[in-house]
Amino acid sequence: MSTAEQGPPPAVLAGIERTVGWRFRKPALLREALTHRSAAHEARGGGTGGRHKRRPPQKGQGHKGHGSNERLEFIGDRVLGLLMAEWLIERYPDEQEGHLGPRLAQLVSRPVLARIAAELGFREALDVAPHEDRAGIRDAANVLADSVEAVLGATYLDGGLEPARAFVRSAWSSVITGQTLPPKDAKTALQEWLLGRGLPLPVYVLEAAEGPSHAPRFTIRAEAAGRSAIGEAGTKRIAESLAAADLLGQLL
């Protein structure tokens, strides 16, 4: 089986296309978006499940995640941040960054993305290696959340911003309409959770600062209670808030 042929079967992909609301011109993108790294690794002969015959890695396929949804999750994360920020600006024209930031952090947090993935049927559609399936990896919040971002990334690459925007506004509709007052800032909520349990306050580490001065991109790592999470945004404050929201989701 070639890398292009791995992934969920055509009937499953057709169902996901209906859910997303986009007929893919390049179905391989959607297959890749729903292929967990364990399945991609096994398809190249590196797994333990024995589904595919071992074959030598092709040029550029040495990385364990090659053929999985990791690259599409990477771009989907950026597309989601842009489209969600655009939607919030439209929906709350009078709110400033201090309120919009916490809203954004909640809407793109791992718990919210994982819930959306389960509601849309991505859990069942994911192609994972048998041994990982038996271990229950389909229910891991980070795996579910990554699948949503990967499908969004694939939609963007296949059709551009319009179908990606339609997907976001459909899938997140109930979540964003459920936000009445701005949620408590994730950094404050995380701090209160830790203090309530007698744990040390979180530490925020600047991992990277990239891009030109007029369009910077900050990567912040939040650490607390033996766990860590990453947030990326155009300002340090929002990046910290995103990291805090992700970390709090892990702890709750």
C-alpha atoms as a PDB file:
ATOM      1  CA  MET A   1       0.000   0.000   0.000  1.00  0.00           C
ATOM      2  CA  SER A   2       1.438   3.361  -0.962  1.00  0.00           C
ATOM      3  CA  THR A   3       1.479   6.394   1.305  1.00  0.00           C
ATOM      4  CA  ALA A   4      -1.146   8.064  -0.892  1.00  0.00           C
ATOM      5  CA  GLU A   5      -3.510   5.059  -0.418  1.00  0.00           C
ATOM      6  CA  GLN A   6      -3.323   4.859   3.352  1.00  0.00           C
ATOM      7  CA  GLY A   7      -5.967   6.443   5.520  1.00  0.00           C
ATOM      8  CA  PRO A   8      -9.720   5.945   5.992  1.00  0.00           C
ATOM      9  CA  PRO A   9     -11.719   4.167   3.256  1.00  0.00           C
ATOM     10  CA  PRO A  10     -13.560   6.172   0.559  1.00  0.00           C
ATOM     11  CA  ALA A  11     -16.989   5.799   2.210  1.00  0.00           C
ATOM     12  CA  VAL A  12     -15.668   7.318   5.438  1.00  0.00           C
ATOM     13  CA  LEU A  13     -13.983  10.159   3.559  1.00  0.00           C
ATOM     14  CA  ALA A  14     -17.225  10.907   1.712  1.00  0.00           C
ATOM     15  CA  GLY A  15     -19.024  11.216   5.038  1.00  0.00           C
ATOM     16  CA  ILE A  16     -16.404  13.626   6.358  1.00  0.00           C
ATOM     17  CA  GLU A  17     -16.677  15.698   3.168  1.00  0.00           C
ATOM     18  CA  ARG A  18     -20.417  16.048   3.795  1.00  0.00           C
ATOM     19  CA  THR A  19     -19.729  17.064   7.379  1.00  0.00           C
ATOM     20  CA  VAL A  20     -17.132  19.635   6.370  1.00  0.00           C
ATOM     21  CA  GLY A  21     -19.262  20.871   3.484  1.00  0.00           C
ATOM     22  CA  TRP A  22     -16.492  20.614   0.892  1.00  0.00           C
ATOM     23  CA  ARG A  23     -15.847  18.134  -1.922  1.00  0.00           C
ATOM     24  CA  PHE A  24     -12.090  17.722  -2.073  1.00  0.00           C
ATOM     25  CA  ARG A  25     -10.365  18.170  -5.404  1.00  0.00           C
ATOM     26  CA  LYS A  26      -7.411  16.293  -3.912  1.00  0.00           C
ATOM     27  CA  PRO A  27      -8.852  13.519  -1.713  1.00  0.00           C
ATOM     28  CA  ALA A  28      -5.326  12.570  -0.642  1.00  0.00           C
ATOM     29  CA  LEU A  29      -5.266  15.718   1.489  1.00  0.00           C
ATOM     30  CA  LEU A  30      -8.293  14.579   3.461  1.00  0.00           C
ATOM     31  CA  ARG A  31      -6.863  11.070   3.850  1.00  0.00           C
ATOM     32  CA  GLU A  32      -3.679  12.565   5.212  1.00  0.00           C
ATOM     33  CA  ALA A  33      -5.636  14.812   7.591  1.00  0.00           C
ATOM     34  CA  LEU A  34      -7.272  11.744   9.119  1.00  0.00           C
ATOM     35  CA  THR A  35      -4.123   9.614   9.328  1.00  0.00           C
ATOM     36  CA  HIS A  36      -2.539   9.434  12.761  1.00  0.00           C
ATOM     37  CA  ARG A  37       1.240   9.187  12.857  1.00  0.00           C
ATOM     38  CA  SER A  38       1.044   5.631  14.184  1.00  0.00           C
ATOM     39  CA  ALA A  39      -0.805   4.493  11.048  1.00  0.00           C
ATOM     40  CA  ALA A  40       1.560   6.400   8.777  1.00  0.00           C
ATOM     41  CA  HIS A  41       4.560   4.847  10.515  1.00  0.00           C
ATOM     42  CA  GLU A  42       3.112   1.360  10.213  1.00  0.00           C
ATOM     43  CA  ALA A  43       2.267   1.867   6.524  1.00  0.00           C
ATOM     44  CA  ARG A  44       5.972   2.420   5.906  1.00  0.00           C
ATOM     45  CA  GLY A  45       6.770  -0.896   7.596  1.00  0.00           C
ATOM     46  CA  GLY A  46       7.824   0.493  10.963  1.00  0.00           C
ATOM     47  CA  GLY A  47       4.874  -0.603  13.053  1.00  0.00           C
ATOM     48  CA  THR A  48       4.073  -3.689  15.067  1.00  0.00           C
ATOM     49  CA  GLY A  49       0.560  -4.331  13.849  1.00  0.00           C
ATOM     50  CA  GLY A  50       1.584  -6.083  10.647  1.00  0.00           C
ATOM     51  CA  ARG A  51      -1.001  -4.472   8.405  1.00  0.00           C
ATOM     52  CA  HIS A  52       1.465  -3.683   5.628  1.00  0.00           C
ATOM     53  CA  LYS A  53       4.574  -5.257   4.273  1.00  0.00           C
ATOM     54  CA  ARG A  54       7.804  -3.631   5.240  1.00  0.00           C
ATOM     55  CA  ARG A  55       9.267  -1.513   2.479  1.00  0.00           C
ATOM     56  CA  PRO A  56      12.318   0.748   2.493  1.00  0.00           C
ATOM     57  CA  PRO A  57      11.602   4.418   3.255  1.00  0.00           C
ATOM     58  CA  GLN A  58      11.455   6.712   0.256  1.00  0.00           C
ATOM     59  CA  LYS A  59      13.467   9.883  -0.007  1.00  0.00           C
ATOM     60  CA  GLY A  60      12.161  12.456   2.465  1.00  0.00           C
ATOM     61  CA  GLN A  61      10.172   9.840   4.410  1.00  0.00           C
ATOM     62  CA  GLY A  62      12.592   9.214   7.230  1.00  0.00           C
ATOM     63  CA  HIS A  63      10.679  11.244   9.807  1.00  0.00           C
ATOM     64  CA  LYS A  64       8.267   9.218  11.879  1.00  0.00           C
ATOM     65  CA  GLY A  65       5.407  11.635  11.199  1.00  0.00           C
ATOM     66  CA  HIS A  66       5.758  11.583   7.417  1.00  0.00           C
ATOM     67  CA  GLY A  67       2.413  10.875   5.775  1.00  0.00           C
ATOM     68  CA  SER A  68       0.497  11.665   8.963  1.00  0.00           C
ATOM     69  CA  ASN A  69      -1.686  14.664   9.708  1.00  0.00           C
ATOM     70  CA  GLU A  70       1.022  16.566  11.592  1.00  0.00           C
ATOM     71  CA  ARG A  71       1.884  18.993   8.783  1.00  0.00           C
ATOM     72  CA  LEU A  72      -1.775  19.704   8.066  1.00  0.00           C
ATOM     73  CA  GLU A  73      -2.423  20.254  11.774  1.00  0.00           C
ATOM     74  CA  PHE A  74       0.409  22.801  11.737  1.00  0.00           C
ATOM     75  CA  ILE A  75      -1.224  24.939   9.050  1.00  0.00           C
ATOM     76  CA  GLY A  76      -4.745  24.291  10.304  1.00  0.00           C
ATOM     77  CA  ASP A  77      -3.821  25.770  13.663  1.00  0.00           C
ATOM     78  CA  ARG A  78      -2.819  29.031  11.942  1.00  0.00           C
ATOM     79  CA  VAL A  79      -5.905  29.089   9.728  1.00  0.00           C
ATOM     80  CA  LEU A  80      -8.169  28.513  12.724  1.00  0.00           C
ATOM     81  CA  GLY A  81      -6.582  31.381  14.642  1.00  0.00           C
ATOM     82  CA  LEU A  82      -7.064  33.761  11.712  1.00  0.00           C
ATOM     83  CA  LEU A  83     -10.659  32.777  10.950  1.00  0.00           C
ATOM     84  CA  MET A  84     -11.686  32.767  14.596  1.00  0.00           C
ATOM     85  CA  ALA A  85     -10.129  36.203  15.186  1.00  0.00           C
ATOM     86  CA  GLU A  86     -11.952  37.492  12.102  1.00  0.00           C
ATOM     87  CA  TRP A  87     -15.247  36.062  13.369  1.00  0.00           C
ATOM     88  CA  LEU A  88     -14.813  37.547  16.839  1.00  0.00           C
ATOM     89  CA  ILE A  89     -14.036  40.984  15.408  1.00  0.00           C
ATOM     90  CA  GLU A  90     -17.266  40.818  13.399  1.00  0.00           C
ATOM     91  CA  ARG A  91     -19.362  39.441  16.248  1.00  0.00           C
ATOM     92  CA  TYR A  92     -18.104  41.810  18.948  1.00  0.00           C
ATOM     93  CA  PRO A  93     -17.294  45.106  17.191  1.00  0.00           C
ATOM     94  CA  ASP A  94     -17.088  47.049  20.451  1.00  0.00           C
ATOM     95  CA  GLU A  95     -14.848  44.686  22.425  1.00  0.00           C
ATOM     96  CA  GLN A  96     -11.125  45.290  22.818  1.00  0.00           C
ATOM     97  CA  GLU A  97      -8.254  42.812  22.914  1.00  0.00           C
ATOM     98  CA  GLY A  98      -8.621  42.286  26.659  1.00  0.00           C
ATOM     99  CA  HIS A  99     -11.966  40.570  26.070  1.00  0.00           C
ATOM    100  CA  LEU A 100     -11.345  39.150  22.608  1.00  0.00           C
ATOM    101  CA  GLY A 101      -8.172  37.350  23.709  1.00  0.00           C
ATOM    102  CA  PRO A 102      -9.878  35.135  26.332  1.00  0.00           C
ATOM    103  CA  ARG A 103     -12.691  34.394  23.906  1.00  0.00           C
ATOM    104  CA  LEU A 104     -10.187  33.273  21.284  1.00  0.00           C
ATOM    105  CA  ALA A 105      -8.210  31.202  23.774  1.00  0.00           C
ATOM    106  CA  GLN A 106     -11.307  29.293  24.821  1.00  0.00           C
ATOM    107  CA  LEU A 107     -12.586  28.714  21.278  1.00  0.00           C
ATOM    108  CA  VAL A 108      -9.307  27.219  20.043  1.00  0.00           C
ATOM    109  CA  SER A 109      -8.476  25.324  23.256  1.00  0.00           C
ATOM    110  CA  ARG A 110      -7.845  21.578  23.196  1.00  0.00           C
ATOM    111  CA  PRO A 111     -10.997  20.655  25.143  1.00  0.00           C
ATOM    112  CA  VAL A 112     -13.227  22.583  22.717  1.00  0.00           C
ATOM    113  CA  LEU A 113     -11.485  21.164  19.644  1.00  0.00           C
ATOM    114  CA  ALA A 114     -11.656  17.631  21.029  1.00  0.00           C
ATOM    115  CA  ARG A 115     -15.373  17.982  21.706  1.00  0.00           C
ATOM    116  CA  ILE A 116     -15.994  19.279  18.180  1.00  0.00           C
ATOM    117  CA  ALA A 117     -13.994  16.392  16.706  1.00  0.00           C
ATOM    118  CA  ALA A 118     -16.105  13.868  18.605  1.00  0.00           C
ATOM    119  CA  GLU A 119     -19.344  15.590  17.584  1.00  0.00           C
ATOM    120  CA  LEU A 120     -18.320  15.601  13.903  1.00  0.00           C
ATOM    121  CA  GLY A 121     -17.392  11.927  13.860  1.00  0.00           C
ATOM    122  CA  PHE A 122     -13.653  12.433  13.447  1.00  0.00           C
ATOM    123  CA  ARG A 123     -12.944  10.002  16.274  1.00  0.00           C
ATOM    124  CA  GLU A 124     -14.312   7.067  14.272  1.00  0.00           C
ATOM    125  CA  ALA A 125     -12.840   8.328  10.981  1.00  0.00           C
ATOM    126  CA  LEU A 126      -9.247   8.499  12.201  1.00  0.00           C
ATOM    127  CA  ASP A 127      -6.848   5.920  10.806  1.00  0.00           C
ATOM    128  CA  VAL A 128      -4.689   4.709  13.690  1.00  0.00           C
ATOM    129  CA  ALA A 129      -2.459   1.680  14.111  1.00  0.00           C
ATOM    130  CA  PRO A 130      -4.240  -1.315  15.698  1.00  0.00           C
ATOM    131  CA  HIS A 131      -2.069  -1.325  18.805  1.00  0.00           C
ATOM    132  CA  GLU A 132      -2.740   2.375  19.385  1.00  0.00           C
ATOM    133  CA  ASP A 133      -6.437   1.838  18.754  1.00  0.00           C
ATOM    134  CA  ARG A 134      -6.509  -0.832  21.429  1.00  0.00           C
ATOM    135  CA  ALA A 135      -4.731   1.569  23.776  1.00  0.00           C
ATOM    136  CA  GLY A 136      -7.577   4.062  23.341  1.00  0.00           C
ATOM    137  CA  ILE A 137      -5.677   6.767  21.471  1.00  0.00           C
ATOM    138  CA  ARG A 138      -8.828   7.809  19.632  1.00  0.00           C
ATOM    139  CA  ASP A 139     -10.104   9.293  22.874  1.00  0.00           C
ATOM    140  CA  ALA A 140      -6.988  11.352  23.585  1.00  0.00           C
ATOM    141  CA  ALA A 141      -7.934  15.038  23.579  1.00  0.00           C
ATOM    142  CA  ASN A 142      -4.778  16.114  21.756  1.00  0.00           C
ATOM    143  CA  VAL A 143      -5.299  13.519  18.998  1.00  0.00           C
ATOM    144  CA  LEU A 144      -8.922  14.583  18.488  1.00  0.00           C
ATOM    145  CA  ALA A 145      -8.012  18.272  18.541  1.00  0.00           C
ATOM    146  CA  ASP A 146      -5.207  17.724  16.033  1.00  0.00           C
ATOM    147  CA  SER A 147      -7.619  15.965  13.685  1.00  0.00           C
ATOM    148  CA  VAL A 148      -9.900  19.013  13.555  1.00  0.00           C
ATOM    149  CA  GLU A 149      -7.013  21.345  12.822  1.00  0.00           C
ATOM    150  CA  ALA A 150      -5.643  18.942  10.210  1.00  0.00           C
ATOM    151  CA  VAL A 151      -8.969  18.679   8.387  1.00  0.00           C
ATOM    152  CA  LEU A 152      -9.256  22.453   8.467  1.00  0.00           C
ATOM    153  CA  GLY A 153      -5.721  22.756   7.098  1.00  0.00           C
ATOM    154  CA  ALA A 154      -6.532  20.292   4.328  1.00  0.00           C
ATOM    155  CA  THR A 155      -9.705  22.207   3.474  1.00  0.00           C
ATOM    156  CA  TYR A 156      -7.750  25.442   3.245  1.00  0.00           C
ATOM    157  CA  LEU A 157      -5.048  23.944   1.032  1.00  0.00           C
ATOM    158  CA  ASP A 158      -7.626  22.312  -1.229  1.00  0.00           C
ATOM    159  CA  GLY A 159     -10.099  25.170  -1.570  1.00  0.00           C
ATOM    160  CA  GLY A 160      -8.798  28.304   0.105  1.00  0.00           C
ATOM    161  CA  LEU A 161     -10.252  30.451   2.860  1.00  0.00           C
ATOM    162  CA  GLU A 162     -13.909  30.347   1.803  1.00  0.00           C
ATOM    163  CA  PRO A 163     -14.571  26.638   2.433  1.00  0.00           C
ATOM    164  CA  ALA A 164     -12.323  26.776   5.503  1.00  0.00           C
ATOM    165  CA  ARG A 165     -14.353  29.710   6.838  1.00  0.00           C
ATOM    166  CA  ALA A 166     -17.639  27.904   6.158  1.00  0.00           C
ATOM    167  CA  PHE A 167     -16.373  24.833   8.004  1.00  0.00           C
ATOM    168  CA  VAL A 168     -15.280  26.850  11.048  1.00  0.00           C
ATOM    169  CA  ARG A 169     -18.512  28.820  11.267  1.00  0.00           C
ATOM    170  CA  SER A 170     -20.575  25.673  11.040  1.00  0.00           C
ATOM    171  CA  ALA A 171     -18.556  23.501  13.416  1.00  0.00           C
ATOM    172  CA  TRP A 172     -18.016  26.203  16.060  1.00  0.00           C
ATOM    173  CA  SER A 173     -21.480  27.793  15.822  1.00  0.00           C
ATOM    174  CA  SER A 174     -22.897  26.403  19.062  1.00  0.00           C
ATOM    175  CA  VAL A 175     -19.677  27.111  20.941  1.00  0.00           C
ATOM    176  CA  ILE A 176     -19.390  30.749  19.947  1.00  0.00           C
ATOM    177  CA  THR A 177     -23.093  31.463  20.459  1.00  0.00           C
ATOM    178  CA  GLY A 178     -22.748  29.937  23.918  1.00  0.00           C
ATOM    179  CA  GLN A 179     -20.203  32.590  24.829  1.00  0.00           C
ATOM    180  CA  THR A 180     -22.249  35.357  26.399  1.00  0.00           C
ATOM    181  CA  LEU A 181     -19.844  37.187  28.682  1.00  0.00           C
ATOM    182  CA  PRO A 182     -16.129  36.963  27.885  1.00  0.00           C
ATOM    183  CA  PRO A 183     -14.672  33.919  29.678  1.00  0.00           C
ATOM    184  CA  LYS A 184     -12.246  34.473  32.490  1.00  0.00           C
ATOM    185  CA  ASP A 185      -8.738  34.995  31.156  1.00  0.00           C
ATOM    186  CA  ALA A 186      -7.081  31.596  30.895  1.00  0.00           C
ATOM    187  CA  LYS A 187      -3.997  32.772  32.797  1.00  0.00           C
ATOM    188  CA  THR A 188      -6.154  33.873  35.720  1.00  0.00           C
ATOM    189  CA  ALA A 189      -8.190  30.663  35.650  1.00  0.00           C
ATOM    190  CA  LEU A 190      -5.028  28.545  35.590  1.00  0.00           C
ATOM    191  CA  GLN A 191      -3.499  30.513  38.459  1.00  0.00           C
ATOM    192  CA  GLU A 192      -6.645  30.128  40.575  1.00  0.00           C
ATOM    193  CA  TRP A 193      -6.792  26.389  39.856  1.00  0.00           C
ATOM    194  CA  LEU A 194      -3.187  25.912  40.954  1.00  0.00           C
ATOM    195  CA  LEU A 195      -3.470  28.101  44.056  1.00  0.00           C
ATOM    196  CA  GLY A 196      -6.645  26.277  45.099  1.00  0.00           C
ATOM    197  CA  ARG A 197      -4.630  23.084  45.232  1.00  0.00           C
ATOM    198  CA  GLY A 198      -1.558  24.519  46.891  1.00  0.00           C
ATOM    199  CA  LEU A 199       0.556  24.175  43.747  1.00  0.00           C
ATOM    200  CA  PRO A 200       3.241  26.588  42.498  1.00  0.00           C
ATOM    201  CA  LEU A 201       2.241  29.273  40.014  1.00  0.00           C
ATOM    202  CA  PRO A 202       2.784  28.599  36.300  1.00  0.00           C
ATOM    203  CA  VAL A 203       5.951  29.577  34.470  1.00  0.00           C
ATOM    204  CA  TYR A 204       5.817  31.101  30.980  1.00  0.00           C
ATOM    205  CA  VAL A 205       8.832  30.656  28.720  1.00  0.00           C
ATOM    206  CA  LEU A 206       9.376  32.456  25.415  1.00  0.00           C
ATOM    207  CA  GLU A 207      10.280  29.658  22.998  1.00  0.00           C
ATOM    208  CA  ALA A 208      10.527  31.743  19.839  1.00  0.00           C
ATOM    209  CA  ALA A 209       9.878  35.217  18.432  1.00  0.00           C
ATOM    210  CA  GLU A 210       9.730  35.235  14.656  1.00  0.00           C
ATOM    211  CA  GLY A 211       8.515  37.343  11.756  1.00  0.00           C
ATOM    212  CA  PRO A 212       8.885  41.035  10.878  1.00  0.00           C
ATOM    213  CA  SER A 213       8.211  43.769  13.428  1.00  0.00           C
ATOM    214  CA  HIS A 214       4.834  44.596  11.881  1.00  0.00           C
ATOM    215  CA  ALA A 215       3.673  40.940  11.990  1.00  0.00           C
ATOM    216  CA  PRO A 216       5.501  39.078  14.765  1.00  0.00           C
ATOM    217  CA  ARG A 217       4.770  35.513  15.855  1.00  0.00           C
ATOM    218  CA  PHE A 218       5.455  34.516  19.454  1.00  0.00           C
ATOM    219  CA  THR A 219       5.660  30.963  20.777  1.00  0.00           C
ATOM    220  CA  ILE A 220       5.173  30.632  24.543  1.00  0.00           C
ATOM    221  CA  ARG A 221       5.452  27.503  26.674  1.00  0.00           C
ATOM    222  CA  ALA A 222       3.437  27.359  29.901  1.00  0.00           C
ATOM    223  CA  GLU A 223       4.599  24.962  32.620  1.00  0.00           C
ATOM    224  CA  ALA A 224       2.786  23.931  35.792  1.00  0.00           C
ATOM    225  CA  ALA A 225       1.984  20.827  37.821  1.00  0.00           C
ATOM    226  CA  GLY A 226       4.468  18.747  35.839  1.00  0.00           C
ATOM    227  CA  ARG A 227       2.837  19.531  32.500  1.00  0.00           C
ATOM    228  CA  SER A 228       3.427  21.968  29.670  1.00  0.00           C
ATOM    229  CA  ALA A 229       1.567  23.474  26.727  1.00  0.00           C
ATOM    230  CA  ILE A 230       2.415  25.726  23.805  1.00  0.00           C
ATOM    231  CA  GLY A 231       0.649  28.871  22.608  1.00  0.00           C
ATOM    232  CA  GLU A 232       1.388  30.843  19.438  1.00  0.00           C
ATOM    233  CA  ALA A 233       0.018  34.266  18.549  1.00  0.00           C
ATOM    234  CA  GLY A 234       0.883  37.716  17.287  1.00  0.00           C
ATOM    235  CA  THR A 235       1.325  39.082  20.821  1.00  0.00           C
ATOM    236  CA  LYS A 236       3.017  37.578  23.857  1.00  0.00           C
ATOM    237  CA  ARG A 237      -0.074  38.102  26.003  1.00  0.00           C
ATOM    238  CA  ILE A 238      -2.387  36.159  23.710  1.00  0.00           C
ATOM    239  CA  ALA A 239       0.247  33.449  23.200  1.00  0.00           C
ATOM    240  CA  GLU A 240       0.489  33.072  26.993  1.00  0.00           C
ATOM    241  CA  SER A 241      -3.298  32.942  27.246  1.00  0.00           C
ATOM    242  CA  LEU A 242      -3.505  30.233  24.586  1.00  0.00           C
ATOM    243  CA  ALA A 243      -0.794  28.207  26.320  1.00  0.00           C
ATOM    244  CA  ALA A 244      -2.568  28.623  29.667  1.00  0.00           C
ATOM    245  CA  ALA A 245      -5.907  27.532  28.185  1.00  0.00           C
ATOM    246  CA  ASP A 246      -4.332  24.411  26.692  1.00  0.00           C
ATOM    247  CA  LEU A 247      -2.530  23.591  29.943  1.00  0.00           C
ATOM    248  CA  LEU A 248      -5.669  24.110  32.012  1.00  0.00           C
ATOM    249  CA  GLY A 249      -7.525  21.795  29.676  1.00  0.00           C
ATOM    250  CA  GLN A 250      -4.929  19.100  30.381  1.00  0.00           C
ATOM    251  CA  LEU A 251      -5.264  19.544  34.139  1.00  0.00           C
ATOM    252  CA  LEU A 252      -9.037  19.634  34.402  1.00  0.00           C
END
